């Protein structure tokens, strides 16, 4: 645990870093412990969409047309939702 003086000094150093080189400070912000999950979430969402699309294709080949259509629509809706979410939350 850091003392109050050490925390204040650390905040001053971080502030000086951000004002001197904002791009470098932004790169370090990406390595923050709480921000590691978005990359994992993106990978999981992509994996789920790929699996859903493959299941739709498998159902189509198996002759389950209605199931294939429903899974295909689910994949398209999921892809549209992900694209909308990432466009909306894009950081300039």
PDB file of N, CA and C in Angstrom:
ATOM      1  N   UNK A   1       0.838  -1.168   0.000  1.00  0.00           N
ATOM      2  CA  UNK A   1       0.000   0.000   0.000  1.00  0.00           C
ATOM      3  C   UNK A   1       0.893   1.243   0.000  1.00  0.00           C
ATOM      4  N   UNK A   2       0.574   2.168  -0.856  1.00  0.00           N
ATOM      5  CA  UNK A   2       1.347   3.406  -0.949  1.00  0.00           C
ATOM      6  C   UNK A   2       0.841   4.432   0.055  1.00  0.00           C
ATOM      7  N   UNK A   3       1.770   5.207   0.559  1.00  0.00           N
ATOM      8  CA  UNK A   3       1.372   6.280   1.465  1.00  0.00           C
ATOM      9  C   UNK A   3       0.726   7.407   0.654  1.00  0.00           C
ATOM     10  N   UNK A   4       0.115   8.313   1.359  1.00  0.00           N
ATOM     11  CA  UNK A   4      -0.548   9.447   0.696  1.00  0.00           C
ATOM     12  C   UNK A   4       0.453  10.258  -0.121  1.00  0.00           C
ATOM     13  N   UNK A   5       1.622  10.500   0.439  1.00  0.00           N
ATOM     14  CA  UNK A   5       2.658  11.263  -0.259  1.00  0.00           C
ATOM     15  C   UNK A   5       3.100  10.536  -1.537  1.00  0.00           C
ATOM     16  N   UNK A   6       3.279   9.224  -1.465  1.00  0.00           N
ATOM     17  CA  UNK A   6       3.700   8.449  -2.631  1.00  0.00           C
ATOM     18  C   UNK A   6       2.623   8.460  -3.715  1.00  0.00           C
ATOM     19  N   UNK A   7       1.356   8.346  -3.306  1.00  0.00           N
ATOM     20  CA  UNK A   7       0.259   8.409  -4.281  1.00  0.00           C
ATOM     21  C   UNK A   7       0.197   9.764  -4.964  1.00  0.00           C
ATOM     22  N   UNK A   8       0.372  10.820  -4.190  1.00  0.00           N
ATOM     23  CA  UNK A   8       0.378  12.170  -4.774  1.00  0.00           C
ATOM     24  C   UNK A   8       1.532  12.332  -5.756  1.00  0.00           C
ATOM     25  N   UNK A   9       2.687  11.837  -5.386  1.00  0.00           N
ATOM     26  CA  UNK A   9       3.866  11.935  -6.256  1.00  0.00           C
ATOM     27  C   UNK A   9       3.653  11.117  -7.529  1.00  0.00           C
ATOM     28  N   UNK A  10       3.070   9.942  -7.402  1.00  0.00           N
ATOM     29  CA  UNK A  10       2.771   9.113  -8.562  1.00  0.00           C
ATOM     30  C   UNK A  10       1.773   9.806  -9.491  1.00  0.00           C
ATOM     31  N   UNK A  11       0.771  10.448  -8.924  1.00  0.00           N
ATOM     32  CA  UNK A  11      -0.199  11.190  -9.727  1.00  0.00           C
ATOM     33  C   UNK A  11       0.470  12.342 -10.468  1.00  0.00           C
ATOM     34  N   UNK A  12       1.423  13.007  -9.812  1.00  0.00           N
ATOM     35  CA  UNK A  12       2.160  14.088 -10.480  1.00  0.00           C
ATOM     36  C   UNK A  12       2.980  13.553 -11.645  1.00  0.00           C
ATOM     37  N   UNK A  13       3.629  12.425 -11.444  1.00  0.00           N
ATOM     38  CA  UNK A  13       4.434  11.820 -12.514  1.00  0.00           C
ATOM     39  C   UNK A  13       3.549  11.414 -13.683  1.00  0.00           C
ATOM     40  N   UNK A  14       2.405  10.795 -13.401  1.00  0.00           N
ATOM     41  CA  UNK A  14       1.484  10.393 -14.462  1.00  0.00           C
ATOM     42  C   UNK A  14       0.962  11.609 -15.217  1.00  0.00           C
ATOM     43  N   UNK A  15       0.658  12.672 -14.497  1.00  0.00           N
ATOM     44  CA  UNK A  15       0.178  13.896 -15.131  1.00  0.00           C
ATOM     45  C   UNK A  15       1.247  14.501 -16.025  1.00  0.00           C
ATOM     46  N   UNK A  16       2.493  14.503 -15.555  1.00  0.00           N
ATOM     47  CA  UNK A  16       3.588  15.036 -16.364  1.00  0.00           C
ATOM     48  C   UNK A  16       3.798  14.187 -17.609  1.00  0.00           C
ATOM     49  N   UNK A  17       3.701  12.878 -17.479  1.00  0.00           N
ATOM     50  CA  UNK A  17       3.835  11.988 -18.625  1.00  0.00           C
ATOM     51  C   UNK A  17       2.742  12.256 -19.653  1.00  0.00           C
ATOM     52  N   UNK A  18       1.509  12.390 -19.171  1.00  0.00           N
ATOM     53  CA  UNK A  18       0.389  12.624 -20.085  1.00  0.00           C
ATOM     54  C   UNK A  18       0.519  13.958 -20.794  1.00  0.00           C
ATOM     55  N   UNK A  19       1.041  14.970 -20.122  1.00  0.00           N
ATOM     56  CA  UNK A  19       1.171  16.279 -20.770  1.00  0.00           C
ATOM     57  C   UNK A  19       2.373  16.311 -21.716  1.00  0.00           C
ATOM     58  N   UNK A  20       3.447  15.586 -21.385  1.00  0.00           N
ATOM     59  CA  UNK A  20       4.633  15.570 -22.245  1.00  0.00           C
ATOM     60  C   UNK A  20       4.427  14.745 -23.514  1.00  0.00           C
ATOM     61  N   UNK A  21       3.848  13.560 -23.367  1.00  0.00           N
ATOM     62  CA  UNK A  21       3.672  12.668 -24.510  1.00  0.00           C
ATOM     63  C   UNK A  21       2.332  11.937 -24.390  1.00  0.00           C
ATOM     64  N   UNK A  22       1.249  12.561 -24.884  1.00  0.00           N
ATOM     65  CA  UNK A  22      -0.081  11.956 -24.722  1.00  0.00           C
ATOM     66  C   UNK A  22      -0.215  10.590 -25.402  1.00  0.00           C
ATOM     67  N   UNK A  23       0.452  10.396 -26.522  1.00  0.00           N
ATOM     68  CA  UNK A  23       0.337   9.106 -27.223  1.00  0.00           C
ATOM     69  C   UNK A  23       0.949   7.979 -26.395  1.00  0.00           C
ATOM     70  N   UNK A  24       2.095   8.249 -25.768  1.00  0.00           N
ATOM     71  CA  UNK A  24       2.726   7.243 -24.924  1.00  0.00           C
ATOM     72  C   UNK A  24       1.853   6.946 -23.708  1.00  0.00           C
ATOM     73  N   UNK A  25       1.285   7.976 -23.122  1.00  0.00           N
ATOM     74  CA  UNK A  25       0.404   7.782 -21.965  1.00  0.00           C
ATOM     75  C   UNK A  25      -0.820   6.959 -22.360  1.00  0.00           C
ATOM     76  N   UNK A  26      -1.344   7.173 -23.558  1.00  0.00           N
ATOM     77  CA  UNK A  26      -2.499   6.404 -24.029  1.00  0.00           C
ATOM     78  C   UNK A  26      -2.136   4.931 -24.192  1.00  0.00           C
ATOM     79  N   UNK A  27      -0.917   4.666 -24.660  1.00  0.00           N
ATOM     80  CA  UNK A  27      -0.483   3.271 -24.795  1.00  0.00           C
ATOM     81  C   UNK A  27      -0.414   2.585 -23.438  1.00  0.00           C
ATOM     82  N   UNK A  28       0.054   3.301 -22.419  1.00  0.00           N
ATOM     83  CA  UNK A  28       0.114   2.716 -21.088  1.00  0.00           C
ATOM     84  C   UNK A  28      -1.281   2.518 -20.512  1.00  0.00           C
ATOM     85  N   UNK A  29      -2.232   3.361 -20.859  1.00  0.00           N
ATOM     86  CA  UNK A  29      -3.602   3.192 -20.378  1.00  0.00           C
ATOM     87  C   UNK A  29      -4.204   1.891 -20.879  1.00  0.00           C
ATOM     88  N   UNK A  30      -3.780   1.444 -22.049  1.00  0.00           N
ATOM     89  CA  UNK A  30      -4.303   0.191 -22.594  1.00  0.00           C
ATOM     90  C   UNK A  30      -3.889  -1.007 -21.758  1.00  0.00           C
ATOM     91  N   UNK A  31      -2.773  -0.901 -21.029  1.00  0.00           N
ATOM     92  CA  UNK A  31      -2.287  -2.010 -20.228  1.00  0.00           C
ATOM     93  C   UNK A  31      -2.839  -1.989 -18.815  1.00  0.00           C
ATOM     94  N   UNK A  32      -3.797  -1.131 -18.539  1.00  0.00           N
ATOM     95  CA  UNK A  32      -4.425  -1.080 -17.230  1.00  0.00           C
ATOM     96  C   UNK A  32      -5.136  -2.407 -16.974  1.00  0.00           C
ATOM     97  N   UNK A  33      -5.117  -2.888 -15.741  1.00  0.00           N
ATOM     98  CA  UNK A  33      -5.675  -4.192 -15.423  1.00  0.00           C
ATOM     99  C   UNK A  33      -7.148  -4.329 -15.781  1.00  0.00           C
ATOM    100  N   UNK A  34      -7.939  -3.276 -15.635  1.00  0.00           N
ATOM    101  CA  UNK A  34      -9.363  -3.362 -15.923  1.00  0.00           C
ATOM    102  C   UNK A  34      -9.701  -3.289 -17.396  1.00  0.00           C
ATOM    103  N   UNK A  35      -8.741  -2.924 -18.204  1.00  0.00           N
ATOM    104  CA  UNK A  35      -9.039  -2.752 -19.619  1.00  0.00           C
ATOM    105  C   UNK A  35      -8.586  -3.940 -20.451  1.00  0.00           C
ATOM    106  N   UNK A  36      -8.140  -5.016 -19.843  1.00  0.00           N
ATOM    107  CA  UNK A  36      -7.686  -6.175 -20.593  1.00  0.00           C
ATOM    108  C   UNK A  36      -8.828  -7.021 -21.136  1.00  0.00           C
ATOM    109  N   UNK A  37      -9.995  -6.912 -20.532  1.00  0.00           N
ATOM    110  CA  UNK A  37     -11.114  -7.749 -20.930  1.00  0.00           C
ATOM    111  C   UNK A  37     -11.722  -7.411 -22.278  1.00  0.00           C
ATOM    112  N   UNK A  38     -11.721  -6.162 -22.748  1.00  0.00           N
ATOM    113  CA  UNK A  38     -12.348  -5.915 -24.044  1.00  0.00           C
ATOM    114  C   UNK A  38     -11.751  -6.743 -25.178  1.00  0.00           C
ATOM    115  N   UNK A  39     -10.460  -6.972 -25.170  1.00  0.00           N
ATOM    116  CA  UNK A  39      -9.852  -7.796 -26.209  1.00  0.00           C
ATOM    117  C   UNK A  39     -10.341  -9.234 -26.133  1.00  0.00           C
ATOM    118  N   UNK A  40     -10.470  -9.743 -24.913  1.00  0.00           N
ATOM    119  CA  UNK A  40     -10.957 -11.108 -24.726  1.00  0.00           C
ATOM    120  C   UNK A  40     -12.427 -11.191 -25.126  1.00  0.00           C
ATOM    121  N   UNK A  41     -13.191 -10.165 -24.764  1.00  0.00           N
ATOM    122  CA  UNK A  41     -14.616 -10.144 -25.146  1.00  0.00           C
ATOM    123  C   UNK A  41     -14.780 -10.122 -26.658  1.00  0.00           C
ATOM    124  N   UNK A  42     -13.963  -9.313 -27.326  1.00  0.00           N
ATOM    125  CA  UNK A  42     -14.045  -9.271 -28.788  1.00  0.00           C
ATOM    126  C   UNK A  42     -13.766 -10.628 -29.395  1.00  0.00           C
ATOM    127  N   UNK A  43     -12.755 -11.308 -28.879  1.00  0.00           N
ATOM    128  CA  UNK A  43     -12.412 -12.628 -29.390  1.00  0.00           C
ATOM    129  C   UNK A  43     -13.538 -13.621 -29.142  1.00  0.00           C
ATOM    130  N   UNK A  44     -14.139 -13.577 -27.953  1.00  0.00           N
ATOM    131  CA  UNK A  44     -15.241 -14.484 -27.651  1.00  0.00           C
ATOM    132  C   UNK A  44     -16.464 -14.207 -28.518  1.00  0.00           C
ATOM    133  N   UNK A  45     -16.767 -12.937 -28.734  1.00  0.00           N
ATOM    134  CA  UNK A  45     -17.915 -12.588 -29.584  1.00  0.00           C
ATOM    135  C   UNK A  45     -17.661 -13.051 -31.016  1.00  0.00           C
ATOM    136  N   UNK A  46     -16.464 -12.824 -31.515  1.00  0.00           N
ATOM    137  CA  UNK A  46     -16.118 -13.280 -32.861  1.00  0.00           C
ATOM    138  C   UNK A  46     -16.221 -14.798 -32.961  1.00  0.00           C
ATOM    139  N   UNK A  47     -15.728 -15.493 -31.952  1.00  0.00           N
ATOM    140  CA  UNK A  47     -15.804 -16.946 -31.939  1.00  0.00           C
ATOM    141  C   UNK A  47     -17.254 -17.428 -31.935  1.00  0.00           C
ATOM    142  N   UNK A  48     -18.108 -16.779 -31.145  1.00  0.00           N
ATOM    143  CA  UNK A  48     -19.522 -17.154 -31.114  1.00  0.00           C
ATOM    144  C   UNK A  48     -20.191 -16.925 -32.462  1.00  0.00           C
ATOM    145  N   UNK A  49     -19.867 -15.812 -33.121  1.00  0.00           N
ATOM    146  CA  UNK A  49     -20.461 -15.550 -34.432  1.00  0.00           C
ATOM    147  C   UNK A  49     -19.999 -16.568 -35.465  1.00  0.00           C
ATOM    148  N   UNK A  50     -18.737 -16.946 -35.416  1.00  0.00           N
ATOM    149  CA  UNK A  50     -18.220 -17.951 -36.353  1.00  0.00           C
ATOM    150  C   UNK A  50     -18.887 -19.305 -36.110  1.00  0.00           C
ATOM    151  N   UNK A  51     -19.021 -19.684 -34.841  1.00  0.00           N
ATOM    152  CA  UNK A  51     -19.666 -20.967 -34.524  1.00  0.00           C
ATOM    153  C   UNK A  51     -21.122 -20.952 -34.977  1.00  0.00           C
ATOM    154  N   UNK A  52     -21.822 -19.855 -34.758  1.00  0.00           N
ATOM    155  CA  UNK A  52     -23.219 -19.753 -35.187  1.00  0.00           C
ATOM    156  C   UNK A  52     -23.332 -19.847 -36.705  1.00  0.00           C
ATOM    157  N   UNK A  53     -22.425 -19.184 -37.416  1.00  0.00           N
ATOM    158  CA  UNK A  53     -22.444 -19.255 -38.883  1.00  0.00           C
ATOM    159  C   UNK A  53     -22.148 -20.671 -39.357  1.00  0.00           C
ATOM    160  N   UNK A  54     -21.203 -21.352 -38.725  1.00  0.00           N
ATOM    161  CA  UNK A  54     -20.901 -22.739 -39.115  1.00  0.00           C
ATOM    162  C   UNK A  54     -22.068 -23.676 -38.807  1.00  0.00           C
ATOM    163  N   UNK A  55     -22.742 -23.448 -37.696  1.00  0.00           N
ATOM    164  CA  UNK A  55     -23.930 -24.256 -37.388  1.00  0.00           C
ATOM    165  C   UNK A  55     -25.039 -24.026 -38.416  1.00  0.00           C
ATOM    166  N   UNK A  56     -25.194 -22.784 -38.852  1.00  0.00           N
ATOM    167  CA  UNK A  56     -26.192 -22.486 -39.877  1.00  0.00           C
ATOM    168  C   UNK A  56     -25.854 -23.222 -41.175  1.00  0.00           C
ATOM    169  N   UNK A  57     -24.591 -23.222 -41.537  1.00  0.00           N
ATOM    170  CA  UNK A  57     -24.159 -23.919 -42.747  1.00  0.00           C
ATOM    171  C   UNK A  57     -24.357 -25.429 -42.603  1.00  0.00           C
ATOM    172  N   UNK A  58     -24.031 -25.975 -41.433  1.00  0.00           N
ATOM    173  CA  UNK A  58     -24.223 -27.399 -41.189  1.00  0.00           C
ATOM    174  C   UNK A  58     -25.698 -27.773 -41.257  1.00  0.00           C
ATOM    175  N   UNK A  59     -26.567 -26.945 -40.696  1.00  0.00           N
ATOM    176  CA  UNK A  59     -28.005 -27.205 -40.761  1.00  0.00           C
ATOM    177  C   UNK A  59     -28.508 -27.149 -42.202  1.00  0.00           C
ATOM    178  N   UNK A  60     -27.969 -26.234 -42.978  1.00  0.00           N
ATOM    179  CA  UNK A  60     -28.380 -26.122 -44.377  1.00  0.00           C
ATOM    180  C   UNK A  60     -27.970 -27.369 -45.157  1.00  0.00           C
ATOM    181  N   UNK A  61     -26.763 -27.830 -44.918  1.00  0.00           N
ATOM    182  CA  UNK A  61     -26.288 -29.033 -45.605  1.00  0.00           C
ATOM    183  C   UNK A  61     -27.084 -30.259 -45.154  1.00  0.00           C
ATOM    184  N   UNK A  62     -27.508 -30.296 -43.906  1.00  0.00           N
ATOM    185  CA  UNK A  62     -28.262 -31.425 -43.368  1.00  0.00           C
ATOM    186  C   UNK A  62     -29.722 -31.419 -43.795  1.00  0.00           C
ATOM    187  N   UNK A  63     -30.167 -30.335 -44.387  1.00  0.00           N
ATOM    188  CA  UNK A  63     -31.553 -30.258 -44.829  1.00  0.00           C
ATOM    189  C   UNK A  63     -32.469 -29.574 -43.837  1.00  0.00           C
ATOM    190  N   UNK A  64     -31.949 -29.063 -42.777  1.00  0.00           N
ATOM    191  CA  UNK A  64     -32.755 -28.347 -41.784  1.00  0.00           C
ATOM    192  C   UNK A  64     -32.808 -26.866 -42.170  1.00  0.00           C
ATOM    193  N   UNK A  65     -33.627 -26.572 -43.158  1.00  0.00           N
ATOM    194  CA  UNK A  65     -33.654 -25.237 -43.756  1.00  0.00           C
ATOM    195  C   UNK A  65     -34.140 -24.185 -42.763  1.00  0.00           C
ATOM    196  N   UNK A  66     -35.198 -24.479 -42.032  1.00  0.00           N
ATOM    197  CA  UNK A  66     -35.735 -23.503 -41.089  1.00  0.00           C
ATOM    198  C   UNK A  66     -34.712 -23.177 -39.998  1.00  0.00           C
ATOM    199  N   UNK A  67     -34.056 -24.199 -39.471  1.00  0.00           N
ATOM    200  CA  UNK A  67     -33.014 -23.965 -38.456  1.00  0.00           C
ATOM    201  C   UNK A  67     -31.855 -23.165 -39.044  1.00  0.00           C
ATOM    202  N   UNK A  68     -31.513 -23.473 -40.279  1.00  0.00           N
ATOM    203  CA  UNK A  68     -30.426 -22.757 -40.940  1.00  0.00           C
ATOM    204  C   UNK A  68     -30.769 -21.285 -41.119  1.00  0.00           C
ATOM    205  N   UNK A  69     -32.000 -20.998 -41.504  1.00  0.00           N
ATOM    206  CA  UNK A  69     -32.429 -19.612 -41.686  1.00  0.00           C
ATOM    207  C   UNK A  69     -32.391 -18.870 -40.355  1.00  0.00           C
ATOM    208  N   UNK A  70     -32.885 -19.523 -39.301  1.00  0.00           N
ATOM    209  CA  UNK A  70     -32.895 -18.869 -37.985  1.00  0.00           C
ATOM    210  C   UNK A  70     -31.466 -18.603 -37.485  1.00  0.00           C
ATOM    211  N   UNK A  71     -30.582 -19.564 -37.643  1.00  0.00           N
ATOM    212  CA  UNK A  71     -29.199 -19.361 -37.216  1.00  0.00           C
ATOM    213  C   UNK A  71     -28.495 -18.320 -38.079  1.00  0.00           C
ATOM    214  N   UNK A  72     -28.822 -18.311 -39.366  1.00  0.00           N
ATOM    215  CA  UNK A  72     -28.255 -17.298 -40.246  1.00  0.00           C
ATOM    216  C   UNK A  72     -28.707 -15.896 -39.851  1.00  0.00           C
ATOM    217  N   UNK A  73     -29.992 -15.761 -39.550  1.00  0.00           N
ATOM    218  CA  UNK A  73     -30.503 -14.458 -39.112  1.00  0.00           C
ATOM    219  C   UNK A  73     -29.888 -14.046 -37.772  1.00  0.00           C
ATOM    220  N   UNK A  74     -29.683 -15.011 -36.886  1.00  0.00           N
ATOM    221  CA  UNK A  74     -29.045 -14.724 -35.603  1.00  0.00           C
ATOM    222  C   UNK A  74     -27.608 -14.245 -35.821  1.00  0.00           C
ATOM    223  N   UNK A  75     -26.910 -14.870 -36.760  1.00  0.00           N
ATOM    224  CA  UNK A  75     -25.538 -14.463 -37.054  1.00  0.00           C
ATOM    225  C   UNK A  75     -25.497 -13.058 -37.637  1.00  0.00           C
ATOM    226  N   UNK A  76     -26.400 -12.773 -38.566  1.00  0.00           N
ATOM    227  CA  UNK A  76     -26.436 -11.441 -39.176  1.00  0.00           C
ATOM    228  C   UNK A  76     -26.797 -10.387 -38.133  1.00  0.00           C
ATOM    229  N   UNK A  77     -27.783 -10.673 -37.294  1.00  0.00           N
ATOM    230  CA  UNK A  77     -28.179  -9.717 -36.258  1.00  0.00           C
ATOM    231  C   UNK A  77     -27.041  -9.503 -35.254  1.00  0.00           C
ATOM    232  N   UNK A  78     -26.357 -10.572 -34.879  1.00  0.00           N
ATOM    233  CA  UNK A  78     -25.231 -10.441 -33.960  1.00  0.00           C
ATOM    234  C   UNK A  78     -24.099  -9.631 -34.563  1.00  0.00           C
ATOM    235  N   UNK A  79     -23.796  -9.867 -35.827  1.00  0.00           N
ATOM    236  CA  UNK A  79     -22.739  -9.112 -36.502  1.00  0.00           C
ATOM    237  C   UNK A  79     -23.110  -7.639 -36.599  1.00  0.00           C
ATOM    238  N   UNK A  80     -24.355  -7.358 -36.941  1.00  0.00           N
ATOM    239  CA  UNK A  80     -24.804  -5.961 -37.028  1.00  0.00           C
ATOM    240  C   UNK A  80     -24.728  -5.292 -35.647  1.00  0.00           C
ATOM    241  N   UNK A  81     -25.127  -6.016 -34.614  1.00  0.00           N
ATOM    242  CA  UNK A  81     -25.060  -5.459 -33.259  1.00  0.00           C
ATOM    243  C   UNK A  81     -23.639  -5.174 -32.814  1.00  0.00           C
ATOM    244  N   UNK A  82     -22.726  -6.073 -33.133  1.00  0.00           N
ATOM    245  CA  UNK A  82     -21.323  -5.874 -32.766  1.00  0.00           C
ATOM    246  C   UNK A  82     -20.741  -4.686 -33.521  1.00  0.00           C
ATOM    247  N   UNK A  83     -21.022  -4.591 -34.818  1.00  0.00           N
ATOM    248  CA  UNK A  83     -20.524  -3.461 -35.602  1.00  0.00           C
ATOM    249  C   UNK A  83     -21.079  -2.140 -35.066  1.00  0.00           C
ATOM    250  N   UNK A  84     -22.362  -2.114 -34.757  1.00  0.00           N
ATOM    251  CA  UNK A  84     -22.978  -0.901 -34.223  1.00  0.00           C
ATOM    252  C   UNK A  84     -22.336  -0.530 -32.884  1.00  0.00           C
ATOM    253  N   UNK A  85     -22.122  -1.529 -32.029  1.00  0.00           N
ATOM    254  CA  UNK A  85     -21.540  -1.270 -30.710  1.00  0.00           C
ATOM    255  C   UNK A  85     -20.130  -0.695 -30.829  1.00  0.00           C
ATOM    256  N   UNK A  86     -19.299  -1.283 -31.689  1.00  0.00           N
ATOM    257  CA  UNK A  86     -17.933  -0.813 -31.810  1.00  0.00           C
ATOM    258  C   UNK A  86     -17.850   0.564 -32.484  1.00  0.00           C
ATOM    259  N   UNK A  87     -18.739   0.843 -33.406  1.00  0.00           N
ATOM    260  CA  UNK A  87     -18.768   2.182 -34.015  1.00  0.00           C
ATOM    261  C   UNK A  87     -19.210   3.229 -33.007  1.00  0.00           C
ATOM    262  N   UNK A  88     -20.166   2.872 -32.182  1.00  0.00           N
ATOM    263  CA  UNK A  88     -20.706   3.801 -31.190  1.00  0.00           C
ATOM    264  C   UNK A  88     -19.684   4.087 -30.095  1.00  0.00           C
ATOM    265  N   UNK A  89     -18.895   3.104 -29.724  1.00  0.00           N
ATOM    266  CA  UNK A  89     -17.943   3.239 -28.627  1.00  0.00           C
ATOM    267  C   UNK A  89     -16.521   3.482 -29.091  1.00  0.00           C
ATOM    268  N   UNK A  90     -16.347   3.854 -30.349  1.00  0.00           N
ATOM    269  CA  UNK A  90     -15.003   4.121 -30.865  1.00  0.00           C
ATOM    270  C   UNK A  90     -14.433   5.353 -30.185  1.00  0.00           C
ATOM    271  N   UNK A  91     -13.168   5.243 -29.748  1.00  0.00           N
ATOM    272  CA  UNK A  91     -12.503   6.379 -29.097  1.00  0.00           C
ATOM    273  C   UNK A  91     -11.721   7.131 -30.143  1.00  0.00           C
ATOM    274  N   UNK A  92     -11.963   8.459 -30.291  1.00  0.00           N
ATOM    275  CA  UNK A  92     -11.257   9.228 -31.324  1.00  0.00           C
ATOM    276  C   UNK A  92      -9.779   9.391 -31.016  1.00  0.00           C
TER     277      UNK A  92
END
